[in-house]
């Protein structure tokens, strides 16, 4: 008399048999396969397009003077008054052109703009890689309504792999305790599935790519 086997037992039997059998890897060269297709587009253009797609703003500057002219235009357009910058390098640049800003966290609860440096710009998805290593820490990239990121052309890389390579080269084994990426302004669609910018952080993101700070 044939023994009755339930469907559950039959499935488990097949699973056990499959686990015991030696199986060839269907994708033996997976790790050597590129995750993305090659993109021949200039990195600056690729980054600008991807950043714009996530509601960010890209501004290319030839030098420090060009950067100051652009930030003056924005300050006038948005009527900025409470502008904070804690990075010594950027403070020196702004002070050289007598651009008004706050060097300390005085009245920080009223901050409108935070100006920071970054670790890298990632062209493939328009993201900004930041860490807590700089003088700005985390607050200037999170609290003010407008976040201004200043980067050099040498910090523009194709993807995350290259961005982490920059981090590793810069810090060696003393990596920052916080490394993160920012992709456009803060957003949420939790409320009635309506997209809202600035929900948990800055509602505007401006990325300045400066070719020469002199």
N, C-alpha and C. Protein backbone atom coordinates (compact mmCIF):
# COMPACT_ATOMS: atom_id res chain seq x y z
N UNK A 1 0.86 -1.19 0.00
CA UNK A 1 0.00 0.00 0.00
C UNK A 1 0.90 1.24 0.00
N UNK A 2 0.62 2.13 -0.93
CA UNK A 2 1.46 3.33 -1.06
C UNK A 2 1.17 4.30 0.08
N UNK A 3 2.26 4.82 0.65
CA UNK A 3 2.14 5.75 1.77
C UNK A 3 1.65 7.11 1.27
N UNK A 4 0.65 7.64 1.96
CA UNK A 4 0.13 8.95 1.58
C UNK A 4 1.08 10.05 2.07
N UNK A 5 1.48 10.95 1.16
CA UNK A 5 2.38 12.05 1.49
C UNK A 5 1.65 13.37 1.26
N UNK A 6 1.63 14.20 2.28
CA UNK A 6 0.94 15.49 2.17
C UNK A 6 1.72 16.42 1.24
N UNK A 7 1.05 17.45 0.77
CA UNK A 7 1.70 18.42 -0.12
C UNK A 7 2.86 19.11 0.59
N UNK A 8 2.67 19.42 1.87
CA UNK A 8 3.73 20.07 2.64
C UNK A 8 4.97 19.20 2.74
N UNK A 9 4.76 17.89 3.04
CA UNK A 9 5.88 16.98 3.16
C UNK A 9 6.59 16.80 1.83
N UNK A 10 5.83 16.81 0.74
CA UNK A 10 6.40 16.65 -0.59
C UNK A 10 7.30 17.83 -0.94
N UNK A 11 6.85 19.04 -0.61
CA UNK A 11 7.62 20.25 -0.88
C UNK A 11 8.91 20.25 -0.06
N UNK A 12 8.78 19.88 1.24
CA UNK A 12 9.96 19.84 2.10
C UNK A 12 10.96 18.80 1.62
N UNK A 13 10.47 17.69 1.12
CA UNK A 13 11.33 16.65 0.59
C UNK A 13 12.12 17.15 -0.61
N UNK A 14 11.45 17.89 -1.49
CA UNK A 14 12.11 18.44 -2.67
C UNK A 14 13.16 19.48 -2.28
N UNK A 15 12.83 20.28 -1.24
CA UNK A 15 13.79 21.29 -0.77
C UNK A 15 15.04 20.64 -0.21
N UNK A 16 14.84 19.60 0.62
CA UNK A 16 15.98 18.89 1.20
C UNK A 16 16.86 18.28 0.11
N UNK A 17 16.22 17.69 -0.90
CA UNK A 17 16.96 17.08 -2.00
C UNK A 17 17.76 18.12 -2.77
N UNK A 18 17.13 19.29 -3.00
CA UNK A 18 17.81 20.35 -3.74
C UNK A 18 19.00 20.89 -2.97
N UNK A 19 18.86 20.98 -1.64
CA UNK A 19 19.96 21.50 -0.83
C UNK A 19 21.14 20.54 -0.79
N UNK A 20 20.85 19.24 -0.89
CA UNK A 20 21.91 18.25 -0.84
C UNK A 20 22.65 18.13 -2.16
N UNK A 21 21.98 18.48 -3.24
CA UNK A 21 22.59 18.38 -4.56
C UNK A 21 23.59 19.51 -4.79
N UNK A 22 24.66 19.21 -5.47
CA UNK A 22 25.63 20.23 -5.83
C UNK A 22 25.09 20.98 -7.05
N UNK A 23 24.99 22.30 -6.93
CA UNK A 23 24.42 23.09 -8.02
C UNK A 23 25.45 24.07 -8.53
N UNK A 24 25.49 24.24 -9.81
CA UNK A 24 26.41 25.21 -10.41
C UNK A 24 25.86 26.61 -10.23
N UNK A 25 26.78 27.56 -10.07
CA UNK A 25 26.40 28.96 -9.96
C UNK A 25 25.93 29.47 -11.33
N UNK A 26 24.66 29.87 -11.44
CA UNK A 26 24.16 30.33 -12.76
C UNK A 26 24.78 31.65 -13.20
N UNK A 27 25.39 32.39 -12.25
CA UNK A 27 26.01 33.68 -12.58
C UNK A 27 27.44 33.71 -12.05
N UNK A 28 28.33 32.93 -12.64
CA UNK A 28 29.70 32.82 -12.09
C UNK A 28 30.50 34.12 -12.14
N UNK A 29 30.16 35.01 -13.05
CA UNK A 29 30.93 36.25 -13.19
C UNK A 29 30.16 37.48 -12.71
N UNK A 30 29.23 37.24 -11.79
CA UNK A 30 28.36 38.33 -11.37
C UNK A 30 29.14 39.49 -10.77
N UNK A 31 30.13 39.19 -9.90
CA UNK A 31 30.87 40.26 -9.23
C UNK A 31 31.71 41.07 -10.20
N UNK A 32 32.06 40.48 -11.34
CA UNK A 32 32.87 41.19 -12.33
C UNK A 32 32.01 41.94 -13.33
N UNK A 33 30.70 41.77 -13.22
CA UNK A 33 29.80 42.44 -14.16
C UNK A 33 29.46 43.83 -13.65
N UNK A 34 29.55 44.80 -14.53
CA UNK A 34 29.24 46.19 -14.15
C UNK A 34 27.77 46.31 -13.77
N UNK A 35 27.51 47.02 -12.67
CA UNK A 35 26.14 47.19 -12.20
C UNK A 35 25.35 48.10 -13.13
N UNK A 36 26.02 49.13 -13.67
CA UNK A 36 25.38 50.08 -14.55
C UNK A 36 26.03 50.05 -15.93
N UNK A 37 25.28 50.44 -16.91
CA UNK A 37 25.84 50.58 -18.25
C UNK A 37 26.79 51.78 -18.28
N UNK A 38 27.78 51.69 -19.16
CA UNK A 38 28.71 52.80 -19.29
C UNK A 38 27.99 54.05 -19.76
N UNK A 39 28.32 55.17 -19.13
CA UNK A 39 27.73 56.45 -19.51
C UNK A 39 28.86 57.38 -19.94
N UNK A 40 28.83 57.73 -21.22
CA UNK A 40 29.90 58.54 -21.79
C UNK A 40 29.68 60.04 -21.57
N UNK A 41 28.57 60.40 -20.94
CA UNK A 41 28.25 61.81 -20.75
C UNK A 41 29.22 62.46 -19.75
N UNK A 42 29.52 63.72 -19.96
CA UNK A 42 30.40 64.46 -19.07
C UNK A 42 29.80 64.44 -17.66
N UNK A 43 30.67 64.21 -16.65
CA UNK A 43 30.19 64.05 -15.28
C UNK A 43 29.41 65.27 -14.80
N UNK A 44 29.89 66.47 -15.13
CA UNK A 44 29.19 67.69 -14.69
C UNK A 44 27.76 67.73 -15.22
N UNK A 45 27.60 67.34 -16.47
CA UNK A 45 26.25 67.35 -17.08
C UNK A 45 25.39 66.26 -16.44
N UNK A 46 25.97 65.08 -16.27
CA UNK A 46 25.23 63.97 -15.67
C UNK A 46 24.77 64.33 -14.25
N UNK A 47 25.67 64.90 -13.46
CA UNK A 47 25.30 65.28 -12.09
C UNK A 47 24.21 66.35 -12.10
N UNK A 48 24.37 67.37 -12.94
CA UNK A 48 23.39 68.46 -13.01
C UNK A 48 22.00 67.93 -13.38
N UNK A 49 21.95 67.01 -14.34
CA UNK A 49 20.66 66.45 -14.77
C UNK A 49 20.01 65.64 -13.65
N UNK A 50 20.81 64.81 -12.98
CA UNK A 50 20.25 63.97 -11.93
C UNK A 50 19.84 64.79 -10.71
N UNK A 51 20.62 65.81 -10.39
CA UNK A 51 20.26 66.67 -9.26
C UNK A 51 18.98 67.43 -9.55
N UNK A 52 18.84 67.94 -10.77
CA UNK A 52 17.62 68.66 -11.16
C UNK A 52 16.40 67.75 -11.12
N UNK A 53 16.62 66.46 -11.45
CA UNK A 53 15.51 65.50 -11.46
C UNK A 53 14.93 65.26 -10.07
N UNK A 54 15.75 65.53 -9.02
CA UNK A 54 15.26 65.34 -7.65
C UNK A 54 15.03 66.70 -6.96
N UNK A 55 14.80 67.73 -7.78
CA UNK A 55 14.44 69.08 -7.30
C UNK A 55 15.59 69.83 -6.65
N UNK A 56 16.83 69.45 -6.97
CA UNK A 56 17.98 70.20 -6.49
C UNK A 56 18.40 71.26 -7.49
N UNK A 57 19.30 72.13 -7.10
CA UNK A 57 19.77 73.24 -7.95
C UNK A 57 21.28 73.14 -8.12
N UNK A 58 21.73 73.13 -9.37
CA UNK A 58 23.15 73.01 -9.67
C UNK A 58 23.68 74.33 -10.23
N UNK A 59 24.82 74.79 -9.67
CA UNK A 59 25.42 76.04 -10.12
C UNK A 59 26.92 75.82 -10.31
N UNK A 60 27.39 75.98 -11.54
CA UNK A 60 28.82 75.84 -11.81
C UNK A 60 29.49 77.20 -11.70
N UNK A 61 30.61 77.25 -10.99
CA UNK A 61 31.34 78.51 -10.80
C UNK A 61 32.79 78.32 -11.24
N UNK A 62 33.29 79.27 -12.00
CA UNK A 62 34.68 79.16 -12.48
C UNK A 62 35.67 79.41 -11.36
N UNK A 63 35.34 80.32 -10.43
CA UNK A 63 36.28 80.66 -9.36
C UNK A 63 35.52 81.22 -8.16
N UNK A 64 36.27 81.69 -7.16
CA UNK A 64 35.66 82.21 -5.95
C UNK A 64 34.80 83.43 -6.20
N UNK A 65 35.25 84.31 -7.07
CA UNK A 65 34.48 85.51 -7.40
C UNK A 65 33.13 85.14 -8.02
N UNK A 66 33.16 84.17 -8.92
CA UNK A 66 31.93 83.71 -9.55
C UNK A 66 30.97 83.14 -8.51
N UNK A 67 31.52 82.39 -7.55
CA UNK A 67 30.70 81.84 -6.47
C UNK A 67 30.04 82.95 -5.66
N UNK A 68 30.81 83.97 -5.29
CA UNK A 68 30.27 85.08 -4.51
C UNK A 68 29.16 85.81 -5.27
N UNK A 69 29.36 86.02 -6.56
CA UNK A 69 28.33 86.69 -7.37
C UNK A 69 27.04 85.88 -7.39
N UNK A 70 27.16 84.57 -7.50
CA UNK A 70 25.97 83.73 -7.53
C UNK A 70 25.25 83.69 -6.19
N UNK A 71 26.02 83.63 -5.11
CA UNK A 71 25.39 83.57 -3.79
C UNK A 71 24.76 84.91 -3.44
N UNK A 72 25.33 86.00 -3.92
CA UNK A 72 24.72 87.31 -3.72
C UNK A 72 23.37 87.40 -4.43
N UNK A 73 23.29 86.84 -5.62
CA UNK A 73 22.03 86.83 -6.37
C UNK A 73 20.97 86.04 -5.62
N UNK A 74 21.36 84.88 -5.10
CA UNK A 74 20.41 84.06 -4.35
C UNK A 74 19.96 84.74 -3.07
N UNK A 75 20.90 85.37 -2.36
CA UNK A 75 20.55 86.06 -1.11
C UNK A 75 19.54 87.16 -1.36
N UNK A 76 19.70 87.85 -2.48
CA UNK A 76 18.76 88.92 -2.82
C UNK A 76 17.41 88.34 -3.25
N UNK A 77 17.46 87.26 -4.02
CA UNK A 77 16.23 86.65 -4.51
C UNK A 77 15.37 86.11 -3.36
N UNK A 78 16.00 85.44 -2.41
CA UNK A 78 15.26 84.81 -1.31
C UNK A 78 15.22 85.68 -0.05
N UNK A 79 15.85 86.85 -0.11
CA UNK A 79 15.88 87.77 1.03
C UNK A 79 16.48 87.10 2.27
N UNK A 80 17.61 86.41 2.07
CA UNK A 80 18.28 85.74 3.18
C UNK A 80 18.94 86.75 4.12
N UNK A 81 18.80 86.51 5.41
CA UNK A 81 19.45 87.35 6.41
C UNK A 81 20.26 86.52 7.40
N UNK A 82 19.75 85.37 7.77
CA UNK A 82 20.43 84.51 8.74
C UNK A 82 21.18 83.41 8.00
N UNK A 83 22.42 83.72 7.60
CA UNK A 83 23.24 82.79 6.83
C UNK A 83 24.38 82.30 7.73
N UNK A 84 24.53 80.98 7.85
CA UNK A 84 25.52 80.41 8.77
C UNK A 84 26.57 79.61 8.00
N UNK A 85 27.82 79.83 8.37
CA UNK A 85 28.93 79.10 7.78
C UNK A 85 29.99 78.87 8.86
N UNK A 86 30.34 77.62 9.11
CA UNK A 86 31.29 77.29 10.17
C UNK A 86 32.59 76.68 9.65
N UNK A 87 32.70 76.51 8.34
CA UNK A 87 33.92 75.95 7.77
C UNK A 87 34.96 77.06 7.61
N UNK A 88 36.13 76.96 8.26
CA UNK A 88 37.16 78.02 8.18
C UNK A 88 37.53 78.40 6.75
N UNK A 89 37.65 77.44 5.87
CA UNK A 89 38.02 77.72 4.49
C UNK A 89 36.96 78.59 3.79
N UNK A 90 35.70 78.25 4.00
CA UNK A 90 34.63 79.03 3.40
C UNK A 90 34.46 80.38 4.09
N UNK A 91 34.69 80.41 5.39
CA UNK A 91 34.62 81.68 6.12
C UNK A 91 35.65 82.66 5.56
N UNK A 92 36.85 82.18 5.28
CA UNK A 92 37.90 83.04 4.73
C UNK A 92 37.49 83.60 3.37
N UNK A 93 36.89 82.74 2.53
CA UNK A 93 36.44 83.18 1.21
C UNK A 93 35.34 84.23 1.32
N UNK A 94 34.34 83.98 2.15
CA UNK A 94 33.23 84.91 2.31
C UNK A 94 33.70 86.23 2.92
N UNK A 95 34.58 86.14 3.90
CA UNK A 95 35.09 87.35 4.55
C UNK A 95 35.93 88.19 3.58
N UNK A 96 36.65 87.53 2.70
CA UNK A 96 37.49 88.23 1.72
C UNK A 96 36.66 89.14 0.83
N UNK A 97 35.42 88.73 0.56
CA UNK A 97 34.52 89.54 -0.27
C UNK A 97 33.48 90.27 0.57
N UNK A 98 33.68 90.29 1.89
CA UNK A 98 32.81 91.01 2.83
C UNK A 98 31.35 90.57 2.72
N UNK A 99 31.18 89.26 2.52
CA UNK A 99 29.83 88.71 2.48
C UNK A 99 29.38 88.44 3.91
N UNK A 100 28.22 88.94 4.32
CA UNK A 100 27.78 88.79 5.73
C UNK A 100 27.29 87.37 6.04
N UNK A 101 27.75 86.84 7.17
CA UNK A 101 27.31 85.52 7.61
C UNK A 101 27.61 85.37 9.10
N UNK A 102 27.03 84.33 9.71
CA UNK A 102 27.24 84.04 11.13
C UNK A 102 28.33 82.98 11.28
N UNK A 103 29.34 83.30 12.10
CA UNK A 103 30.44 82.36 12.34
C UNK A 103 30.16 81.42 13.50
N UNK A 104 29.20 81.78 14.35
CA UNK A 104 28.86 80.96 15.51
C UNK A 104 27.40 80.50 15.40
N UNK A 105 26.93 79.81 16.43
CA UNK A 105 25.54 79.34 16.40
C UNK A 105 24.58 80.30 17.12
N UNK A 106 24.97 81.56 17.23
CA UNK A 106 24.09 82.56 17.84
C UNK A 106 22.78 82.66 17.06
N UNK A 107 21.65 82.63 17.77
CA UNK A 107 20.30 82.70 17.17
C UNK A 107 20.11 81.61 16.12
N UNK A 108 20.71 80.45 16.33
CA UNK A 108 20.67 79.41 15.30
C UNK A 108 19.25 78.92 15.03
N UNK A 109 18.38 79.05 16.01
CA UNK A 109 17.00 78.61 15.79
C UNK A 109 16.30 79.42 14.70
N UNK A 110 16.90 80.56 14.32
CA UNK A 110 16.33 81.39 13.26
C UNK A 110 17.11 81.24 11.95
N UNK A 111 17.99 80.26 11.87
CA UNK A 111 18.84 80.08 10.68
C UNK A 111 18.00 79.85 9.43
N UNK A 112 18.36 80.56 8.37
CA UNK A 112 17.69 80.40 7.08
C UNK A 112 18.55 79.61 6.10
N UNK A 113 19.86 79.76 6.21
CA UNK A 113 20.78 79.15 5.25
C UNK A 113 21.96 78.50 5.98
N UNK A 114 22.34 77.31 5.55
CA UNK A 114 23.55 76.66 6.04
C UNK A 114 24.48 76.42 4.86
N UNK A 115 25.72 76.89 4.96
CA UNK A 115 26.71 76.69 3.90
C UNK A 115 27.74 75.68 4.38
N UNK A 116 27.91 74.60 3.64
CA UNK A 116 28.84 73.54 4.05
C UNK A 116 29.70 73.07 2.88
N UNK A 117 30.77 72.38 3.22
CA UNK A 117 31.54 71.63 2.24
C UNK A 117 30.94 70.23 2.13
N UNK A 118 31.55 69.36 1.36
CA UNK A 118 31.08 67.98 1.25
C UNK A 118 32.27 67.07 1.01
N UNK A 119 32.01 65.78 0.99
CA UNK A 119 33.07 64.81 0.74
C UNK A 119 33.17 64.47 -0.75
N UNK A 120 32.01 64.41 -1.42
CA UNK A 120 32.01 64.05 -2.85
C UNK A 120 30.65 64.38 -3.46
N UNK A 121 30.64 64.50 -4.78
CA UNK A 121 29.41 64.60 -5.55
C UNK A 121 29.31 63.36 -6.43
N UNK A 122 28.17 62.70 -6.41
CA UNK A 122 28.00 61.44 -7.13
C UNK A 122 27.14 61.68 -8.37
N UNK A 123 27.78 61.60 -9.53
CA UNK A 123 27.11 61.99 -10.78
C UNK A 123 25.94 61.08 -11.14
N UNK A 124 26.08 59.79 -10.86
CA UNK A 124 25.09 58.82 -11.33
C UNK A 124 23.68 59.08 -10.80
N UNK A 125 23.58 59.56 -9.55
CA UNK A 125 22.24 59.82 -8.99
C UNK A 125 22.07 61.23 -8.44
N UNK A 126 23.04 62.11 -8.71
CA UNK A 126 22.90 63.50 -8.27
C UNK A 126 22.96 63.66 -6.77
N UNK A 127 23.67 62.78 -6.08
CA UNK A 127 23.74 62.83 -4.62
C UNK A 127 24.99 63.56 -4.13
N UNK A 128 24.89 64.06 -2.91
CA UNK A 128 26.01 64.73 -2.23
C UNK A 128 26.42 63.85 -1.06
N UNK A 129 27.70 63.46 -1.01
CA UNK A 129 28.18 62.68 0.13
C UNK A 129 28.73 63.63 1.18
N UNK A 130 28.25 63.49 2.41
CA UNK A 130 28.68 64.35 3.51
C UNK A 130 29.12 63.49 4.68
N UNK A 131 29.85 64.11 5.60
CA UNK A 131 30.24 63.43 6.84
C UNK A 131 30.18 64.44 7.98
N UNK A 132 30.39 63.95 9.18
CA UNK A 132 30.38 64.84 10.35
C UNK A 132 31.79 65.31 10.71
N UNK A 133 32.74 65.12 9.81
CA UNK A 133 34.13 65.45 10.13
C UNK A 133 34.39 66.95 10.11
N UNK A 134 33.71 67.68 9.23
CA UNK A 134 33.96 69.11 9.08
C UNK A 134 33.44 69.94 10.24
N UNK A 135 33.81 71.22 10.23
CA UNK A 135 33.38 72.13 11.30
C UNK A 135 31.87 72.31 11.33
N UNK A 136 31.22 72.10 10.20
CA UNK A 136 29.77 72.27 10.14
C UNK A 136 29.02 71.14 10.83
N UNK A 137 29.72 70.00 11.06
CA UNK A 137 29.05 68.88 11.71
C UNK A 137 27.84 68.43 10.91
N UNK A 138 26.75 68.17 11.61
CA UNK A 138 25.51 67.74 10.94
C UNK A 138 24.46 68.84 10.89
N UNK A 139 24.52 69.77 11.82
CA UNK A 139 23.41 70.72 11.97
C UNK A 139 23.18 71.60 10.75
N UNK A 140 24.26 72.07 10.14
CA UNK A 140 24.09 73.02 9.04
C UNK A 140 23.51 72.38 7.78
N UNK A 141 23.60 71.07 7.67
CA UNK A 141 23.03 70.40 6.50
C UNK A 141 21.62 69.90 6.74
N UNK A 142 21.14 70.06 7.98
CA UNK A 142 19.82 69.51 8.34
C UNK A 142 18.82 70.57 8.77
N UNK A 143 19.25 71.52 9.59
CA UNK A 143 18.28 72.42 10.23
C UNK A 143 17.80 73.58 9.35
N UNK A 144 18.69 74.40 8.73
CA UNK A 144 18.21 75.56 7.97
C UNK A 144 17.33 75.14 6.78
N UNK A 145 16.46 76.04 6.36
CA UNK A 145 15.54 75.75 5.25
C UNK A 145 16.28 75.63 3.92
N UNK A 146 17.42 76.31 3.80
CA UNK A 146 18.20 76.26 2.56
C UNK A 146 19.60 75.73 2.87
N UNK A 147 20.01 74.73 2.12
CA UNK A 147 21.35 74.13 2.30
C UNK A 147 22.17 74.41 1.06
N UNK A 148 23.31 75.08 1.24
CA UNK A 148 24.22 75.37 0.15
C UNK A 148 25.47 74.51 0.30
N UNK A 149 25.75 73.68 -0.69
CA UNK A 149 26.91 72.79 -0.67
C UNK A 149 27.96 73.32 -1.63
N UNK A 150 29.20 73.42 -1.16
CA UNK A 150 30.29 73.89 -2.00
C UNK A 150 31.24 72.72 -2.25
N UNK A 151 31.53 72.44 -3.53
CA UNK A 151 32.42 71.33 -3.88
C UNK A 151 33.41 71.76 -4.94
N UNK A 152 34.56 71.11 -4.95
CA UNK A 152 35.56 71.30 -6.00
C UNK A 152 35.31 70.30 -7.12
N UNK A 153 35.81 70.62 -8.31
CA UNK A 153 35.60 69.72 -9.44
C UNK A 153 36.25 68.36 -9.20
N UNK A 154 37.33 68.32 -8.42
CA UNK A 154 38.00 67.06 -8.11
C UNK A 154 37.18 66.14 -7.23
N UNK A 155 36.11 66.65 -6.64
CA UNK A 155 35.25 65.83 -5.78
C UNK A 155 34.09 65.21 -6.54
N UNK A 156 33.98 65.49 -7.83
CA UNK A 156 32.91 64.94 -8.65
C UNK A 156 33.33 63.57 -9.18
N UNK A 157 32.57 62.53 -8.82
CA UNK A 157 32.91 61.15 -9.20
C UNK A 157 31.70 60.48 -9.83
N UNK A 158 31.92 59.38 -10.57
CA UNK A 158 30.80 58.73 -11.26
C UNK A 158 29.79 58.05 -10.34
N UNK A 159 30.28 57.34 -9.30
CA UNK A 159 29.35 56.54 -8.50
C UNK A 159 29.82 56.42 -7.05
N UNK A 160 29.05 55.67 -6.27
CA UNK A 160 29.33 55.50 -4.84
C UNK A 160 30.69 54.85 -4.59
N UNK A 161 31.06 53.89 -5.44
CA UNK A 161 32.33 53.21 -5.26
C UNK A 161 33.48 54.21 -5.29
N UNK A 162 33.46 55.11 -6.26
CA UNK A 162 34.50 56.13 -6.37
C UNK A 162 34.43 57.13 -5.22
N UNK A 163 33.22 57.42 -4.75
CA UNK A 163 33.06 58.35 -3.64
C UNK A 163 33.69 57.77 -2.37
N UNK A 164 33.47 56.49 -2.11
CA UNK A 164 34.07 55.86 -0.93
C UNK A 164 35.59 55.75 -1.09
N UNK A 165 36.05 55.63 -2.32
CA UNK A 165 37.50 55.60 -2.56
C UNK A 165 38.12 56.94 -2.16
N UNK A 166 37.41 58.05 -2.47
CA UNK A 166 37.88 59.38 -2.05
C UNK A 166 37.94 59.50 -0.54
N UNK A 167 36.87 59.00 0.12
CA UNK A 167 36.82 59.03 1.58
C UNK A 167 37.99 58.25 2.18
N UNK A 168 38.21 57.06 1.63
CA UNK A 168 39.28 56.20 2.14
C UNK A 168 40.65 56.86 1.95
N UNK A 169 40.85 57.48 0.81
CA UNK A 169 42.13 58.15 0.53
C UNK A 169 42.34 59.34 1.46
N UNK A 170 41.27 60.05 1.77
CA UNK A 170 41.37 61.24 2.60
C UNK A 170 41.60 60.91 4.07
N UNK A 171 40.88 59.92 4.58
CA UNK A 171 40.91 59.64 6.02
C UNK A 171 41.68 58.38 6.41
N UNK A 172 42.03 57.56 5.43
CA UNK A 172 42.72 56.30 5.70
C UNK A 172 41.89 55.46 6.67
N UNK A 173 42.45 55.09 7.81
CA UNK A 173 41.72 54.26 8.78
C UNK A 173 40.95 55.06 9.82
N UNK A 174 41.02 56.38 9.74
CA UNK A 174 40.31 57.25 10.69
C UNK A 174 39.03 57.80 10.05
N UNK A 175 38.16 56.91 9.66
CA UNK A 175 36.94 57.32 8.96
C UNK A 175 36.00 58.09 9.90
N UNK A 176 35.25 59.07 9.36
CA UNK A 176 34.26 59.78 10.19
C UNK A 176 33.22 58.80 10.73
N UNK A 177 32.65 59.14 11.86
CA UNK A 177 31.64 58.26 12.47
C UNK A 177 30.31 58.31 11.73
N UNK A 178 30.10 59.35 10.93
CA UNK A 178 28.87 59.46 10.15
C UNK A 178 29.21 59.84 8.71
N UNK A 179 28.83 58.97 7.78
CA UNK A 179 28.95 59.24 6.35
C UNK A 179 27.58 59.00 5.74
N UNK A 180 27.08 59.98 5.00
CA UNK A 180 25.73 59.86 4.47
C UNK A 180 25.67 60.52 3.09
N UNK A 181 24.58 60.29 2.39
CA UNK A 181 24.35 60.95 1.11
C UNK A 181 23.05 61.74 1.16
N UNK A 182 23.06 62.86 0.48
CA UNK A 182 21.88 63.72 0.36
C UNK A 182 21.46 63.72 -1.10
N UNK A 183 20.23 63.34 -1.36
CA UNK A 183 19.72 63.31 -2.73
C UNK A 183 18.53 64.25 -2.83
N UNK A 184 18.80 65.49 -3.17
CA UNK A 184 17.75 66.50 -3.29
C UNK A 184 17.29 67.02 -1.93
N UNK A 185 16.33 67.93 -1.93
CA UNK A 185 15.79 68.46 -0.67
C UNK A 185 15.07 67.38 0.12
N UNK A 186 14.89 67.62 1.41
CA UNK A 186 14.12 66.71 2.25
C UNK A 186 12.70 66.61 1.69
N UNK A 187 12.12 65.40 1.73
CA UNK A 187 10.79 65.23 1.15
C UNK A 187 10.03 64.11 1.83
N UNK A 188 8.72 64.14 1.68
CA UNK A 188 7.87 63.05 2.14
C UNK A 188 6.58 63.06 1.32
N UNK A 189 6.00 61.87 1.17
CA UNK A 189 4.69 61.76 0.53
C UNK A 189 3.75 60.97 1.44
N UNK A 190 4.05 60.98 2.73
CA UNK A 190 3.26 60.20 3.69
C UNK A 190 1.86 60.76 3.90
N UNK A 191 1.73 62.09 3.73
CA UNK A 191 0.44 62.72 3.98
C UNK A 191 -0.38 62.74 2.70
N UNK A 192 -1.39 61.88 2.64
CA UNK A 192 -2.29 61.79 1.49
C UNK A 192 -1.53 61.63 0.17
N UNK A 193 -0.34 61.02 0.23
CA UNK A 193 0.47 60.74 -0.96
C UNK A 193 0.80 62.00 -1.76
N UNK A 194 0.84 63.14 -1.07
CA UNK A 194 1.21 64.40 -1.72
C UNK A 194 2.65 64.72 -1.37
N UNK A 195 3.47 64.95 -2.40
CA UNK A 195 4.89 65.23 -2.18
C UNK A 195 5.07 66.58 -1.51
N UNK A 196 5.77 66.58 -0.38
CA UNK A 196 6.04 67.82 0.36
C UNK A 196 7.55 67.94 0.53
N UNK A 197 8.13 69.07 0.08
CA UNK A 197 9.56 69.31 0.24
C UNK A 197 9.82 70.02 1.56
N UNK A 198 10.96 69.70 2.16
CA UNK A 198 11.31 70.34 3.43
C UNK A 198 10.61 69.74 4.62
N UNK A 199 10.20 68.49 4.50
CA UNK A 199 9.45 67.86 5.59
C UNK A 199 10.30 67.59 6.82
N UNK A 200 11.51 67.09 6.61
CA UNK A 200 12.37 66.71 7.73
C UNK A 200 13.73 67.40 7.67
N UNK A 201 13.84 68.41 6.86
CA UNK A 201 15.12 69.10 6.69
C UNK A 201 14.98 70.22 5.66
N UNK A 202 16.08 70.61 5.00
CA UNK A 202 16.03 71.72 4.04
C UNK A 202 15.02 71.48 2.92
N UNK A 203 14.31 72.55 2.55
CA UNK A 203 13.37 72.46 1.45
C UNK A 203 14.01 72.89 0.12
N UNK A 204 15.22 73.44 0.19
CA UNK A 204 15.96 73.81 -1.01
C UNK A 204 17.41 73.36 -0.87
N UNK A 205 17.94 72.75 -1.92
CA UNK A 205 19.33 72.33 -1.95
C UNK A 205 20.02 72.96 -3.15
N UNK A 206 21.12 73.68 -2.88
CA UNK A 206 21.92 74.29 -3.94
C UNK A 206 23.32 73.69 -3.89
N UNK A 207 23.78 73.19 -5.01
CA UNK A 207 25.13 72.63 -5.08
C UNK A 207 25.98 73.50 -6.00
N UNK A 208 27.03 74.08 -5.44
CA UNK A 208 27.97 74.90 -6.19
C UNK A 208 29.20 74.06 -6.51
N UNK A 209 29.47 73.87 -7.78
CA UNK A 209 30.69 73.19 -8.19
C UNK A 209 31.68 74.25 -8.63
N UNK A 210 32.74 74.44 -7.85
CA UNK A 210 33.69 75.53 -8.09
C UNK A 210 34.97 74.94 -8.71
N UNK A 211 35.33 75.44 -9.86
CA UNK A 211 36.49 74.92 -10.58
C UNK A 211 37.80 75.36 -9.91
N UNK A 212 37.83 76.61 -9.45
CA UNK A 212 39.05 77.16 -8.83
C UNK A 212 38.65 78.15 -7.74
N UNK A 213 39.04 77.87 -6.50
CA UNK A 213 38.62 78.73 -5.37
C UNK A 213 39.37 80.05 -5.33
N UNK A 214 40.42 80.21 -6.11
CA UNK A 214 41.21 81.45 -6.03
C UNK A 214 40.47 82.62 -6.66
